[in-house]
Amino acid sequence: MGKVHGSLARAGKVKGQTPKVDKQEKKKQPRGRAKKRMQYNRRYVNVVTGMGGKRVGPNSNADKMK
């Protein structure tokens, strides 16, 4: 049987000491056909290119650097 990393007395320490922040109200995401349309437009229609003409990933901040 394996050993536990750290004592279980400290379990949940970080989650317990972080302040509770209420969720923000957001605009609802489109569903079904409309969501697929949005994804298609984001990925293939207005493609953002980075250095050297390569496509930029969805999590990249390169387009916000300009």
C-alpha atoms as a PDB file:
ATOM      1  CA  MET A   1       0.000   0.000   0.000  1.00  0.00           C
ATOM      2  CA  GLY A   2       1.306   3.484  -0.923  1.00  0.00           C
ATOM      3  CA  LYS A   3       1.939   6.362   1.422  1.00  0.00           C
ATOM      4  CA  VAL A   4      -0.101   9.578   1.544  1.00  0.00           C
ATOM      5  CA  HIS A   5       1.747  12.783   0.666  1.00  0.00           C
ATOM      6  CA  GLY A   6       1.382  15.018   3.717  1.00  0.00           C
ATOM      7  CA  SER A   7      -0.960  14.528   6.644  1.00  0.00           C
ATOM      8  CA  LEU A   8      -4.699  14.496   6.076  1.00  0.00           C
ATOM      9  CA  ALA A   9      -5.081  17.149   8.775  1.00  0.00           C
ATOM     10  CA  ARG A  10      -4.001  19.752   6.198  1.00  0.00           C
ATOM     11  CA  ALA A  11      -6.451  18.567   3.538  1.00  0.00           C
ATOM     12  CA  GLY A  12      -8.430  21.446   2.020  1.00  0.00           C
ATOM     13  CA  LYS A  13      -6.246  24.126   3.644  1.00  0.00           C
ATOM     14  CA  VAL A  14      -5.908  26.379   0.608  1.00  0.00           C
ATOM     15  CA  LYS A  15      -9.548  26.104  -0.467  1.00  0.00           C
ATOM     16  CA  GLY A  16     -10.653  26.912   3.067  1.00  0.00           C
ATOM     17  CA  GLN A  17      -8.584  30.097   3.328  1.00  0.00           C
ATOM     18  CA  THR A  18      -9.372  31.610  -0.068  1.00  0.00           C
ATOM     19  CA  PRO A  19     -12.067  34.300   0.026  1.00  0.00           C
ATOM     20  CA  LYS A  20     -15.437  33.371  -1.476  1.00  0.00           C
ATOM     21  CA  VAL A  21     -16.168  35.291  -4.667  1.00  0.00           C
ATOM     22  CA  ASP A  22     -19.689  35.113  -6.088  1.00  0.00           C
ATOM     23  CA  LYS A  23     -20.061  34.021  -9.700  1.00  0.00           C
ATOM     24  CA  GLN A  24     -20.583  36.823 -12.200  1.00  0.00           C
ATOM     25  CA  GLU A  25     -23.619  36.975 -14.436  1.00  0.00           C
ATOM     26  CA  LYS A  26     -22.586  36.315 -18.003  1.00  0.00           C
ATOM     27  CA  LYS A  27     -24.324  36.496 -21.343  1.00  0.00           C
ATOM     28  CA  LYS A  28     -25.628  33.047 -22.283  1.00  0.00           C
ATOM     29  CA  GLN A  29     -23.633  31.040 -24.823  1.00  0.00           C
ATOM     30  CA  PRO A  30     -25.375  30.127 -28.079  1.00  0.00           C
ATOM     31  CA  ARG A  31     -26.392  26.485 -28.347  1.00  0.00           C
ATOM     32  CA  GLY A  32     -26.632  23.957 -31.137  1.00  0.00           C
ATOM     33  CA  ARG A  33     -26.321  25.292 -34.682  1.00  0.00           C
ATOM     34  CA  ALA A  34     -25.541  28.828 -33.533  1.00  0.00           C
ATOM     35  CA  LYS A  35     -22.603  27.630 -31.410  1.00  0.00           C
ATOM     36  CA  LYS A  36     -21.152  25.644 -34.330  1.00  0.00           C
ATOM     37  CA  ARG A  37     -21.520  28.738 -36.523  1.00  0.00           C
ATOM     38  CA  MET A  38     -19.666  30.861 -33.965  1.00  0.00           C
ATOM     39  CA  GLN A  39     -16.851  28.270 -33.697  1.00  0.00           C
ATOM     40  CA  TYR A  40     -16.530  28.086 -37.497  1.00  0.00           C
ATOM     41  CA  ASN A  41     -16.312  31.854 -37.805  1.00  0.00           C
ATOM     42  CA  ARG A  42     -13.762  32.097 -35.000  1.00  0.00           C
ATOM     43  CA  ARG A  43     -11.548  29.296 -36.342  1.00  0.00           C
ATOM     44  CA  TYR A  44     -11.686  29.660 -40.125  1.00  0.00           C
ATOM     45  CA  VAL A  45     -13.207  32.981 -41.236  1.00  0.00           C
ATOM     46  CA  ASN A  46     -11.361  35.685 -39.294  1.00  0.00           C
ATOM     47  CA  VAL A  47      -8.149  33.766 -38.575  1.00  0.00           C
ATOM     48  CA  VAL A  48      -5.605  35.543 -36.381  1.00  0.00           C
ATOM     49  CA  THR A  49      -2.014  34.963 -37.496  1.00  0.00           C
ATOM     50  CA  GLY A  50       1.040  35.485 -35.331  1.00  0.00           C
ATOM     51  CA  MET A  51       4.737  35.760 -36.092  1.00  0.00           C
ATOM     52  CA  GLY A  52       5.804  34.090 -39.336  1.00  0.00           C
ATOM     53  CA  GLY A  53       2.232  33.638 -40.559  1.00  0.00           C
ATOM     54  CA  LYS A  54       1.453  30.784 -38.178  1.00  0.00           C
ATOM     55  CA  ARG A  55      -2.052  30.477 -36.759  1.00  0.00           C
ATOM     56  CA  VAL A  56      -2.405  31.662 -33.196  1.00  0.00           C
ATOM     57  CA  GLY A  57      -3.912  29.319 -30.597  1.00  0.00           C
ATOM     58  CA  PRO A  58      -7.195  30.149 -28.860  1.00  0.00           C
ATOM     59  CA  ASN A  59      -5.493  30.896 -25.537  1.00  0.00           C
ATOM     60  CA  SER A  60      -2.757  33.113 -26.953  1.00  0.00           C
ATOM     61  CA  ASN A  61      -2.417  36.776 -25.974  1.00  0.00           C
ATOM     62  CA  ALA A  62      -0.453  37.589 -29.128  1.00  0.00           C
ATOM     63  CA  ASP A  63      -3.401  39.377 -30.754  1.00  0.00           C
ATOM     64  CA  LYS A  64      -3.750  41.650 -27.688  1.00  0.00           C
ATOM     65  CA  MET A  65      -0.065  42.668 -27.766  1.00  0.00           C
ATOM     66  CA  LYS A  66      -0.466  45.067 -30.711  1.00  0.00           C
END
